[in-house]
Protein backbone atom coordinates (compact mmCIF):
# COMPACT_ATOMS: atom_id res chain seq x y z
CA UNK A 1 21.39 -5.99 13.24
CA UNK A 2 23.48 -8.56 11.33
CA UNK A 3 20.29 -9.70 9.14
CA UNK A 4 20.97 -6.36 7.42
CA UNK A 5 24.66 -6.07 6.16
CA UNK A 6 25.04 -7.04 2.77
CA UNK A 7 21.04 -5.37 1.93
CA UNK A 8 21.28 -2.89 -1.07
CA UNK A 9 20.42 -0.27 1.51
CA UNK A 10 21.75 2.14 3.97
CA UNK A 11 20.98 3.91 6.99
CA UNK A 12 21.40 7.11 7.52
CA UNK A 13 20.02 9.32 10.98
CA UNK A 14 20.79 12.80 11.31
CA UNK A 15 21.55 14.66 14.29
CA UNK A 16 21.21 18.33 15.52
CA UNK A 17 23.50 18.29 18.63
CA UNK A 18 24.91 21.41 19.11
CA UNK A 19 27.23 19.62 20.92
CA UNK A 20 29.69 16.75 19.87
CA UNK A 21 29.79 15.43 23.00
CA UNK A 22 25.74 14.77 23.01
CA UNK A 23 25.97 12.75 19.82
CA UNK A 24 29.19 10.84 21.07
CA UNK A 25 27.47 10.23 24.10
CA UNK A 26 24.08 9.09 22.30
CA UNK A 27 26.30 6.71 20.12
CA UNK A 28 28.53 5.29 22.53
CA UNK A 29 24.99 3.98 24.99
CA UNK A 30 22.55 3.43 21.91
CA UNK A 31 25.17 2.30 19.30
CA UNK A 32 22.97 2.96 16.15
CA UNK A 33 23.15 1.45 12.87
CA UNK A 34 24.45 3.13 9.65
CA UNK A 35 25.91 6.76 9.38
CA UNK A 36 25.49 9.72 11.13
CA UNK A 37 25.53 13.08 10.33
CA UNK A 38 26.16 15.97 12.48
CA UNK A 39 27.41 19.30 12.04
CA UNK A 40 27.45 22.00 14.94
CA UNK A 41 24.92 23.97 13.86
CA UNK A 42 22.31 21.74 15.57
CA UNK A 43 18.90 22.10 13.30
CA UNK A 44 20.02 24.77 11.09
CA UNK A 45 22.65 22.22 9.44
CA UNK A 46 22.83 22.12 5.84
CA UNK A 47 22.00 18.14 6.17
CA UNK A 48 19.12 18.32 8.53
CA UNK A 49 17.77 21.58 5.68
CA UNK A 50 18.19 18.95 2.55
CA UNK A 51 16.37 15.75 4.23
CA UNK A 52 13.80 18.33 5.82
CA UNK A 53 14.41 17.40 9.48
CA UNK A 54 12.25 18.79 12.06
CA UNK A 55 11.85 16.19 14.49
CA UNK A 56 13.73 13.55 15.72
CA UNK A 57 14.90 10.58 15.80
CA UNK A 58 15.37 11.32 12.19
CA UNK A 59 17.06 8.48 9.85
CA UNK A 60 16.81 7.61 6.36
CA UNK A 61 16.89 4.22 4.54
CA UNK A 62 18.16 4.85 1.05
CA UNK A 63 18.76 2.49 -1.67
CA UNK A 64 21.88 1.85 -3.80
CA UNK A 65 20.47 4.24 -6.26
CA UNK A 66 20.21 6.99 -3.56
CA UNK A 67 16.61 7.06 -3.27
CA UNK A 68 14.81 7.51 0.17
CA UNK A 69 12.89 4.10 0.34
CA UNK A 70 11.85 4.86 4.37
CA UNK A 71 12.38 7.81 6.51
CA UNK A 72 11.78 7.73 10.60
CA UNK A 73 10.10 5.02 10.62
CA UNK A 74 10.25 3.63 14.29
CA UNK A 75 13.80 2.16 14.82
CA UNK A 76 12.47 -0.71 16.27
CA UNK A 77 11.00 -2.16 12.85
CA UNK A 78 13.86 -1.58 10.82
CA UNK A 79 15.21 -5.37 9.82
CA UNK A 80 11.37 -5.83 9.33
CA UNK A 81 11.30 -2.59 6.91
CA UNK A 82 14.39 -3.50 5.12
CA UNK A 83 12.86 -7.10 4.55
CA UNK A 84 9.16 -5.99 3.00
CA UNK A 85 11.27 -3.94 1.08
CA UNK A 86 13.14 -6.42 -0.38
CA UNK A 87 10.31 -8.78 -1.04
CA UNK A 88 9.56 -9.53 -4.57
CA UNK A 89 6.52 -8.09 -5.98
CA UNK A 90 3.22 -9.74 -6.18
CA UNK A 91 1.73 -9.36 -9.17
CA UNK A 92 -2.07 -10.38 -9.72
């Protein structure tokens, strides 16, 4: 994940756990990158509603302008996704 530091993106994950301890245990074991949101309301929490989260895992790659560039992509391909977004666009 160090390859992603300094890139113009933030990773935001949305938890719909109703028990905080469940989320804490997950974060300790998986150590996912980025920001993690949580609200005890589970699937009814405001962030889950805002980002239209209906299944897990749910994470979003947000650029510096606040635009969602990718959502719910395979976490194993995160670095590859960021690198592809940073490549200059080729014009024909």
